[in-house]
Amino acid sequence: MAAANAADAAHQNGNVTISFINTNAKTGGIESRNTCTISFKEGADDAIPPTVQRIRLSDTEGIPAIEFENADKCRLTIAGGDFSPKVNNIDFGAYSEKITSYTCTAASLKVEMAPNGTQQYSEVEMSAKNDKYVECYGYLWEGALKEITTKSDNGWFDLRVTLTDKAGNSQVQTIAPAFFIKNQTPSGRVDIADGTVRLIADNSRIIASDGSEVTVYTLSGARVRNTDLSAGIYVAVCGNVRSKIAIR
């Protein structure tokens, strides 16, 4: 059923996903694509997806930029939340009847990056800054690209931002490409003799490029869970390969 007719034709309520795609731009000479995808349960008490209000890339000085010398020079600021219209209690004078104001509740955020065009996404750590809440923008998150785990052949990376509210509605903003990193050195990489397997520090854990199980030990020999690893040096074992890997 065409989306344009769904409201007029009899049908059972279900999960609805709609994508809006903008290809009218170039980034670094590359034809770029911005895709906004919203998902919600039709007819539910809460069928309004959360909103990504702002995505901002900047350098360590806070100056907006999309090209960086190294990954650790890139900063991300994202604003958004779960907005709902409310009865106006603010006097806007003659414009009061035409203006709708909104309440905003928190939504969960997930940010991912991938080498341009590969879909090989890895998560970017973000921190909520509730003290910086602004009514028109919502809640604020900040993060930094501490390292590159997978190199990009052309230096450009895609960015995917997902906001999900308590009802399970979501909005996903995908910018491809979004930013450029000149010097890329995947951290903790070890090339095995046959060149097919790599051990990689990825989001506070250590993974093998072929998906094999990795066992992790401290330098003193104590085995630890391979998740939420603190910053430091670890010994990673995968099959007959043993190597020291840095978690930053």
C-alpha atoms as a PDB file:
ATOM      1  CA  MET A   1       0.000   0.000   0.000  1.00  0.00           C
ATOM      2  CA  ALA A   2       1.430   3.386  -0.909  1.00  0.00           C
ATOM      3  CA  ALA A   3       2.242   5.570   2.076  1.00  0.00           C
ATOM      4  CA  ALA A   4       0.163   8.399   0.606  1.00  0.00           C
ATOM      5  CA  ASN A   5      -3.011   6.260   0.790  1.00  0.00           C
ATOM      6  CA  ALA A   6      -2.432   4.580   4.163  1.00  0.00           C
ATOM      7  CA  ALA A   7      -4.401   7.176   6.116  1.00  0.00           C
ATOM      8  CA  ASP A   8      -7.425   6.890   3.832  1.00  0.00           C
ATOM      9  CA  ALA A   9      -7.650   3.125   3.305  1.00  0.00           C
ATOM     10  CA  ALA A  10      -8.811   0.562   5.881  1.00  0.00           C
ATOM     11  CA  HIS A  11      -5.873  -1.374   7.320  1.00  0.00           C
ATOM     12  CA  GLN A  12      -4.546  -2.841  10.540  1.00  0.00           C
ATOM     13  CA  ASN A  13      -2.145  -0.719  12.556  1.00  0.00           C
ATOM     14  CA  GLY A  14       1.432  -1.904  12.378  1.00  0.00           C
ATOM     15  CA  ASN A  15       5.041  -0.831  12.616  1.00  0.00           C
ATOM     16  CA  VAL A  16       5.773   2.017  10.197  1.00  0.00           C
ATOM     17  CA  THR A  17       9.190   3.019   8.869  1.00  0.00           C
ATOM     18  CA  ILE A  18       9.663   6.035   6.617  1.00  0.00           C
ATOM     19  CA  SER A  19      12.924   7.303   5.106  1.00  0.00           C
ATOM     20  CA  PHE A  20      13.663  10.752   3.721  1.00  0.00           C
ATOM     21  CA  ILE A  21      16.769  10.880   1.513  1.00  0.00           C
ATOM     22  CA  ASN A  22      18.622  14.015   0.423  1.00  0.00           C
ATOM     23  CA  THR A  23      21.317  13.575  -2.234  1.00  0.00           C
ATOM     24  CA  ASN A  24      21.530  17.218  -3.272  1.00  0.00           C
ATOM     25  CA  ALA A  25      25.025  17.848  -1.900  1.00  0.00           C
ATOM     26  CA  LYS A  26      28.719  17.085  -2.253  1.00  0.00           C
ATOM     27  CA  THR A  27      31.227  16.630   0.564  1.00  0.00           C
ATOM     28  CA  GLY A  28      34.906  16.750  -0.295  1.00  0.00           C
ATOM     29  CA  GLY A  29      34.010  16.310  -3.955  1.00  0.00           C
ATOM     30  CA  ILE A  30      32.023  13.155  -3.155  1.00  0.00           C
ATOM     31  CA  GLU A  31      28.309  12.956  -3.811  1.00  0.00           C
ATOM     32  CA  SER A  32      26.865  12.812  -0.307  1.00  0.00           C
ATOM     33  CA  ARG A  33      23.648  11.420   1.122  1.00  0.00           C
ATOM     34  CA  ASN A  34      21.717  12.399   4.233  1.00  0.00           C
ATOM     35  CA  THR A  35      19.082   9.841   5.205  1.00  0.00           C
ATOM     36  CA  CYS A  36      16.528  10.395   7.956  1.00  0.00           C
ATOM     37  CA  THR A  37      14.579   7.267   8.933  1.00  0.00           C
ATOM     38  CA  ILE A  38      11.728   7.368  11.448  1.00  0.00           C
ATOM     39  CA  SER A  39      10.036   4.308  12.931  1.00  0.00           C
ATOM     40  CA  PHE A  40       6.905   4.156  15.071  1.00  0.00           C
ATOM     41  CA  LYS A  41       3.945   1.978  16.012  1.00  0.00           C
ATOM     42  CA  GLU A  42       0.853   3.242  14.204  1.00  0.00           C
ATOM     43  CA  GLY A  43      -2.074   3.895  16.529  1.00  0.00           C
ATOM     44  CA  ALA A  44      -0.023   3.544  19.717  1.00  0.00           C
ATOM     45  CA  ASP A  45      -0.496   5.934  22.637  1.00  0.00           C
ATOM     46  CA  ASP A  46       2.936   7.313  21.787  1.00  0.00           C
ATOM     47  CA  ALA A  47       3.494   7.201  18.026  1.00  0.00           C
ATOM     48  CA  ILE A  48       5.758  10.251  17.780  1.00  0.00           C
ATOM     49  CA  PRO A  49       9.457   9.458  17.140  1.00  0.00           C
ATOM     50  CA  PRO A  50      12.146  11.421  18.968  1.00  0.00           C
ATOM     51  CA  THR A  51      13.963  14.171  17.083  1.00  0.00           C
ATOM     52  CA  VAL A  52      17.648  14.752  16.374  1.00  0.00           C
ATOM     53  CA  GLN A  53      17.789  18.537  16.578  1.00  0.00           C
ATOM     54  CA  ARG A  54      21.469  19.153  15.913  1.00  0.00           C
ATOM     55  CA  ILE A  55      24.633  17.296  14.893  1.00  0.00           C
ATOM     56  CA  ARG A  56      27.792  19.362  15.200  1.00  0.00           C
ATOM     57  CA  LEU A  57      31.377  18.421  14.320  1.00  0.00           C
ATOM     58  CA  SER A  58      34.194  20.632  15.599  1.00  0.00           C
ATOM     59  CA  ASP A  59      37.878  20.637  16.472  1.00  0.00           C
ATOM     60  CA  THR A  60      39.296  20.669  20.001  1.00  0.00           C
ATOM     61  CA  GLU A  61      38.900  24.462  20.105  1.00  0.00           C
ATOM     62  CA  GLY A  62      35.189  24.215  19.350  1.00  0.00           C
ATOM     63  CA  ILE A  63      35.527  25.557  15.799  1.00  0.00           C
ATOM     64  CA  PRO A  64      33.143  23.800  13.342  1.00  0.00           C
ATOM     65  CA  ALA A  65      35.027  21.504  10.947  1.00  0.00           C
ATOM     66  CA  ILE A  66      34.640  18.277   8.975  1.00  0.00           C
ATOM     67  CA  GLU A  67      38.305  17.608   8.100  1.00  0.00           C
ATOM     68  CA  PHE A  68      40.782  16.639  10.810  1.00  0.00           C
ATOM     69  CA  GLU A  69      44.474  15.786  11.001  1.00  0.00           C
ATOM     70  CA  ASN A  70      43.903  12.976  13.505  1.00  0.00           C
ATOM     71  CA  ALA A  71      40.857  11.254  14.990  1.00  0.00           C
ATOM     72  CA  ASP A  72      41.493  12.640  18.471  1.00  0.00           C
ATOM     73  CA  LYS A  73      41.071  16.172  17.113  1.00  0.00           C
ATOM     74  CA  CYS A  74      37.399  15.566  16.247  1.00  0.00           C
ATOM     75  CA  ARG A  75      34.595  16.445  18.646  1.00  0.00           C
ATOM     76  CA  LEU A  76      30.893  15.595  18.318  1.00  0.00           C
ATOM     77  CA  THR A  77      27.973  17.470  19.856  1.00  0.00           C
ATOM     78  CA  ILE A  78      24.437  16.144  19.402  1.00  0.00           C
ATOM     79  CA  ALA A  79      21.176  17.607  20.657  1.00  0.00           C
ATOM     80  CA  GLY A  80      17.718  16.065  20.627  1.00  0.00           C
ATOM     81  CA  GLY A  81      15.011  14.368  22.606  1.00  0.00           C
ATOM     82  CA  ASP A  82      11.445  13.079  22.634  1.00  0.00           C
ATOM     83  CA  PHE A  83       9.255  16.118  21.941  1.00  0.00           C
ATOM     84  CA  SER A  84       5.482  16.243  22.466  1.00  0.00           C
ATOM     85  CA  PRO A  85       3.133  19.182  21.770  1.00  0.00           C
ATOM     86  CA  LYS A  86       1.569  20.786  24.824  1.00  0.00           C
ATOM     87  CA  VAL A  87      -1.099  23.341  25.590  1.00  0.00           C
ATOM     88  CA  ASN A  88       0.536  26.732  25.342  1.00  0.00           C
ATOM     89  CA  ASN A  89       1.052  28.470  28.639  1.00  0.00           C
ATOM     90  CA  ILE A  90       3.203  31.217  27.150  1.00  0.00           C
ATOM     91  CA  ASP A  91       1.737  34.461  25.868  1.00  0.00           C
ATOM     92  CA  PHE A  92       3.031  35.128  22.353  1.00  0.00           C
ATOM     93  CA  GLY A  93       0.686  38.067  21.881  1.00  0.00           C
ATOM     94  CA  ALA A  94      -1.188  38.112  18.576  1.00  0.00           C
ATOM     95  CA  TYR A  95       0.667  34.968  17.470  1.00  0.00           C
ATOM     96  CA  SER A  96      -0.336  32.805  20.438  1.00  0.00           C
ATOM     97  CA  GLU A  97      -2.955  30.743  18.585  1.00  0.00           C
ATOM     98  CA  LYS A  98      -0.507  29.898  15.798  1.00  0.00           C
ATOM     99  CA  ILE A  99       2.400  28.780  17.962  1.00  0.00           C
ATOM    100  CA  THR A 100       2.747  25.314  19.478  1.00  0.00           C
ATOM    101  CA  SER A 101       5.262  24.649  22.228  1.00  0.00           C
ATOM    102  CA  TYR A 102       6.613  21.251  23.244  1.00  0.00           C
ATOM    103  CA  THR A 103       7.685  19.272  26.262  1.00  0.00           C
ATOM    104  CA  CYS A 104      10.861  17.207  25.944  1.00  0.00           C
ATOM    105  CA  THR A 105      11.793  13.964  27.663  1.00  0.00           C
ATOM    106  CA  ALA A 106      15.038  12.077  27.385  1.00  0.00           C
ATOM    107  CA  ALA A 107      15.737   9.492  24.676  1.00  0.00           C
ATOM    108  CA  SER A 108      18.603   7.019  24.398  1.00  0.00           C
ATOM    109  CA  LEU A 109      21.389   7.883  21.959  1.00  0.00           C
ATOM    110  CA  LYS A 110      23.656   5.672  19.875  1.00  0.00           C
ATOM    111  CA  VAL A 111      26.344   7.107  17.592  1.00  0.00           C
ATOM    112  CA  GLU A 112      28.306   5.043  15.083  1.00  0.00           C
ATOM    113  CA  MET A 113      30.958   5.680  12.440  1.00  0.00           C
ATOM    114  CA  ALA A 114      32.101   3.640   9.445  1.00  0.00           C
ATOM    115  CA  PRO A 115      34.602   4.002   6.600  1.00  0.00           C
ATOM    116  CA  ASN A 116      32.714   5.714   3.795  1.00  0.00           C
ATOM    117  CA  GLY A 117      30.392   3.351   1.941  1.00  0.00           C
ATOM    118  CA  THR A 118      31.363   0.183   3.875  1.00  0.00           C
ATOM    119  CA  GLN A 119      28.530  -0.173   6.457  1.00  0.00           C
ATOM    120  CA  GLN A 120      31.224  -1.414   8.883  1.00  0.00           C
ATOM    121  CA  TYR A 121      29.954   0.647  11.800  1.00  0.00           C
ATOM    122  CA  SER A 122      31.617   0.877  15.199  1.00  0.00           C
ATOM    123  CA  GLU A 123      30.142   2.750  18.157  1.00  0.00           C
ATOM    124  CA  VAL A 124      31.389   6.167  19.273  1.00  0.00           C
ATOM    125  CA  GLU A 125      31.299   6.785  23.028  1.00  0.00           C
ATOM    126  CA  MET A 126      29.089   9.745  23.959  1.00  0.00           C
ATOM    127  CA  SER A 127      28.453  11.386  27.333  1.00  0.00           C
ATOM    128  CA  ALA A 128      25.148  12.983  28.367  1.00  0.00           C
ATOM    129  CA  LYS A 129      25.422  16.607  29.478  1.00  0.00           C
ATOM    130  CA  ASN A 130      22.107  17.105  31.263  1.00  0.00           C
ATOM    131  CA  ASP A 131      23.273  20.396  32.752  1.00  0.00           C
ATOM    132  CA  LYS A 132      23.385  21.827  29.214  1.00  0.00           C
ATOM    133  CA  TYR A 133      19.729  21.120  28.421  1.00  0.00           C
ATOM    134  CA  VAL A 134      18.180  23.844  26.248  1.00  0.00           C
ATOM    135  CA  GLU A 135      14.396  23.882  25.703  1.00  0.00           C
ATOM    136  CA  CYS A 136      14.512  24.457  21.934  1.00  0.00           C
ATOM    137  CA  TYR A 137      17.255  21.854  21.335  1.00  0.00           C
ATOM    138  CA  GLY A 138      16.539  19.287  24.024  1.00  0.00           C
ATOM    139  CA  TYR A 139      19.197  17.173  25.701  1.00  0.00           C
ATOM    140  CA  LEU A 140      22.880  17.378  24.824  1.00  0.00           C
ATOM    141  CA  TRP A 141      25.550  14.709  24.324  1.00  0.00           C
ATOM    142  CA  GLU A 142      29.260  15.201  23.695  1.00  0.00           C
ATOM    143  CA  GLY A 143      31.905  12.786  22.440  1.00  0.00           C
ATOM    144  CA  ALA A 144      35.310  12.502  20.826  1.00  0.00           C
ATOM    145  CA  LEU A 145      36.774  10.184  18.195  1.00  0.00           C
ATOM    146  CA  LYS A 146      39.535   8.716  20.330  1.00  0.00           C
ATOM    147  CA  GLU A 147      40.808   6.317  17.690  1.00  0.00           C
ATOM    148  CA  ILE A 148      40.199   4.694  14.326  1.00  0.00           C
ATOM    149  CA  THR A 149      39.594   0.945  14.428  1.00  0.00           C
ATOM    150  CA  THR A 150      38.991   0.445  10.703  1.00  0.00           C
ATOM    151  CA  LYS A 151      40.745   2.525   8.041  1.00  0.00           C
ATOM    152  CA  SER A 152      38.898   4.347   5.289  1.00  0.00           C
ATOM    153  CA  ASP A 153      40.368   4.007   1.794  1.00  0.00           C
ATOM    154  CA  ASN A 154      39.487   7.596   0.871  1.00  0.00           C
ATOM    155  CA  GLY A 155      39.839   9.093   4.354  1.00  0.00           C
ATOM    156  CA  TRP A 156      36.119   9.869   4.660  1.00  0.00           C
ATOM    157  CA  PHE A 157      33.789   8.365   7.255  1.00  0.00           C
ATOM    158  CA  ASP A 158      30.012   7.981   7.503  1.00  0.00           C
ATOM    159  CA  LEU A 159      28.130   8.900  10.657  1.00  0.00           C
ATOM    160  CA  ARG A 160      24.943   7.270  11.970  1.00  0.00           C
ATOM    161  CA  VAL A 161      22.992   8.805  14.869  1.00  0.00           C
ATOM    162  CA  THR A 162      20.063   6.918  16.446  1.00  0.00           C
ATOM    163  CA  LEU A 163      17.636   8.312  19.019  1.00  0.00           C
ATOM    164  CA  THR A 164      15.127   5.914  20.609  1.00  0.00           C
ATOM    165  CA  ASP A 165      12.377   6.909  23.034  1.00  0.00           C
ATOM    166  CA  LYS A 166      10.840   4.872  25.850  1.00  0.00           C
ATOM    167  CA  ALA A 167       8.023   3.637  23.576  1.00  0.00           C
ATOM    168  CA  GLY A 168      10.523   2.213  21.068  1.00  0.00           C
ATOM    169  CA  ASN A 169       9.986   4.895  18.422  1.00  0.00           C
ATOM    170  CA  SER A 170      13.198   5.988  16.764  1.00  0.00           C
ATOM    171  CA  GLN A 171      14.839   8.430  14.418  1.00  0.00           C
ATOM    172  CA  VAL A 172      18.057   7.557  12.585  1.00  0.00           C
ATOM    173  CA  GLN A 173      20.170  10.197  10.855  1.00  0.00           C
ATOM    174  CA  THR A 174      22.829   8.844   8.504  1.00  0.00           C
ATOM    175  CA  ILE A 175      25.322  11.228   6.886  1.00  0.00           C
ATOM    176  CA  ALA A 176      27.558   9.702   4.220  1.00  0.00           C
ATOM    177  CA  PRO A 177      30.219  10.951   4.195  1.00  0.00           C
ATOM    178  CA  ALA A 178      30.329  13.131   7.306  1.00  0.00           C
ATOM    179  CA  PHE A 179      33.991  13.817   8.098  1.00  0.00           C
ATOM    180  CA  PHE A 180      37.573  13.247   6.941  1.00  0.00           C
ATOM    181  CA  ILE A 181      40.549  11.945   8.964  1.00  0.00           C
ATOM    182  CA  LYS A 182      43.958  12.481   7.359  1.00  0.00           C
ATOM    183  CA  ASN A 183      46.144  10.288   9.563  1.00  0.00           C
ATOM    184  CA  GLN A 184      44.531   6.925  10.296  1.00  0.00           C
ATOM    185  CA  THR A 185      46.293   4.429  12.518  1.00  0.00           C
ATOM    186  CA  PRO A 186      43.955   1.677  13.735  1.00  0.00           C
ATOM    187  CA  SER A 187      44.956   1.098  17.357  1.00  0.00           C
ATOM    188  CA  GLY A 188      45.988  -2.253  18.722  1.00  0.00           C
ATOM    189  CA  ARG A 189      46.157  -3.908  15.308  1.00  0.00           C
ATOM    190  CA  VAL A 190      48.196  -7.068  14.896  1.00  0.00           C
ATOM    191  CA  ASP A 191      48.533  -8.716  11.502  1.00  0.00           C
ATOM    192  CA  ILE A 192      48.838 -12.485  11.700  1.00  0.00           C
ATOM    193  CA  ALA A 193      51.281 -14.346   9.439  1.00  0.00           C
ATOM    194  CA  ASP A 194      48.716 -15.226   6.775  1.00  0.00           C
ATOM    195  CA  GLY A 195      47.411 -11.627   6.776  1.00  0.00           C
ATOM    196  CA  THR A 196      43.775 -12.650   7.301  1.00  0.00           C
ATOM    197  CA  VAL A 197      43.204 -11.984  11.022  1.00  0.00           C
ATOM    198  CA  ARG A 198      43.627  -8.832  13.064  1.00  0.00           C
ATOM    199  CA  LEU A 199      43.196  -8.133  16.758  1.00  0.00           C
ATOM    200  CA  ILE A 200      41.573  -4.753  17.304  1.00  0.00           C
ATOM    201  CA  ALA A 201      40.734  -2.591  20.309  1.00  0.00           C
ATOM    202  CA  ASP A 202      37.084  -1.754  19.729  1.00  0.00           C
ATOM    203  CA  ASN A 203      34.846   0.181  22.130  1.00  0.00           C
ATOM    204  CA  SER A 204      36.477  -1.012  25.395  1.00  0.00           C
ATOM    205  CA  ARG A 205      36.900  -4.603  24.244  1.00  0.00           C
ATOM    206  CA  ILE A 206      39.214  -6.590  21.965  1.00  0.00           C
ATOM    207  CA  ILE A 207      37.890  -8.294  18.857  1.00  0.00           C
ATOM    208  CA  ALA A 208      39.286 -10.475  16.075  1.00  0.00           C
ATOM    209  CA  SER A 209      38.667  -9.338  12.520  1.00  0.00           C
ATOM    210  CA  ASP A 210      37.322 -12.772  11.578  1.00  0.00           C
ATOM    211  CA  GLY A 211      34.973 -12.963  14.565  1.00  0.00           C
ATOM    212  CA  SER A 212      36.987 -15.588  16.448  1.00  0.00           C
ATOM    213  CA  GLU A 213      36.773 -15.709  20.238  1.00  0.00           C
ATOM    214  CA  VAL A 214      39.348 -13.577  22.049  1.00  0.00           C
ATOM    215  CA  THR A 215      40.520 -14.262  25.611  1.00  0.00           C
ATOM    216  CA  VAL A 216      41.891 -11.304  27.554  1.00  0.00           C
ATOM    217  CA  TYR A 217      44.367 -11.177  30.457  1.00  0.00           C
ATOM    218  CA  THR A 218      45.957  -8.422  32.517  1.00  0.00           C
ATOM    219  CA  LEU A 219      49.736  -8.040  32.343  1.00  0.00           C
ATOM    220  CA  SER A 220      49.913  -9.901  35.657  1.00  0.00           C
ATOM    221  CA  GLY A 221      48.172 -12.917  34.082  1.00  0.00           C
ATOM    222  CA  ALA A 222      44.667 -12.570  35.543  1.00  0.00           C
ATOM    223  CA  ARG A 223      41.887 -13.369  33.078  1.00  0.00           C
ATOM    224  CA  VAL A 224      39.261 -10.614  32.707  1.00  0.00           C
ATOM    225  CA  ARG A 225      35.935 -10.312  30.922  1.00  0.00           C
ATOM    226  CA  ASN A 226      36.344  -9.001  27.395  1.00  0.00           C
ATOM    227  CA  THR A 227      33.888  -6.138  27.872  1.00  0.00           C
ATOM    228  CA  ASP A 228      34.020  -2.630  29.378  1.00  0.00           C
ATOM    229  CA  LEU A 229      37.800  -2.874  29.702  1.00  0.00           C
ATOM    230  CA  SER A 230      39.451  -0.007  31.538  1.00  0.00           C
ATOM    231  CA  ALA A 231      42.237   1.958  29.867  1.00  0.00           C
ATOM    232  CA  GLY A 232      45.504   0.037  29.944  1.00  0.00           C
ATOM    233  CA  ILE A 233      47.558  -2.700  28.307  1.00  0.00           C
ATOM    234  CA  TYR A 234      46.147  -6.232  28.026  1.00  0.00           C
ATOM    235  CA  VAL A 235      47.308  -9.565  26.683  1.00  0.00           C
ATOM    236  CA  ALA A 236      44.878 -10.869  24.057  1.00  0.00           C
ATOM    237  CA  VAL A 237      44.857 -14.511  22.943  1.00  0.00           C
ATOM    238  CA  CYS A 238      43.125 -15.717  19.797  1.00  0.00           C
ATOM    239  CA  GLY A 239      43.897 -19.274  18.709  1.00  0.00           C
ATOM    240  CA  ASN A 240      47.676 -19.594  18.640  1.00  0.00           C
ATOM    241  CA  VAL A 241      48.165 -15.809  18.531  1.00  0.00           C
ATOM    242  CA  ARG A 242      49.141 -13.875  21.653  1.00  0.00           C
ATOM    243  CA  SER A 243      49.648 -10.102  21.656  1.00  0.00           C
ATOM    244  CA  LYS A 244      49.608  -7.008  23.854  1.00  0.00           C
ATOM    245  CA  ILE A 245      46.755  -4.619  22.999  1.00  0.00           C
ATOM    246  CA  ALA A 246      46.215  -1.085  24.282  1.00  0.00           C
ATOM    247  CA  ILE A 247      42.787   0.109  25.412  1.00  0.00           C
ATOM    248  CA  ARG A 248      42.546   3.883  25.522  1.00  0.00           C
END
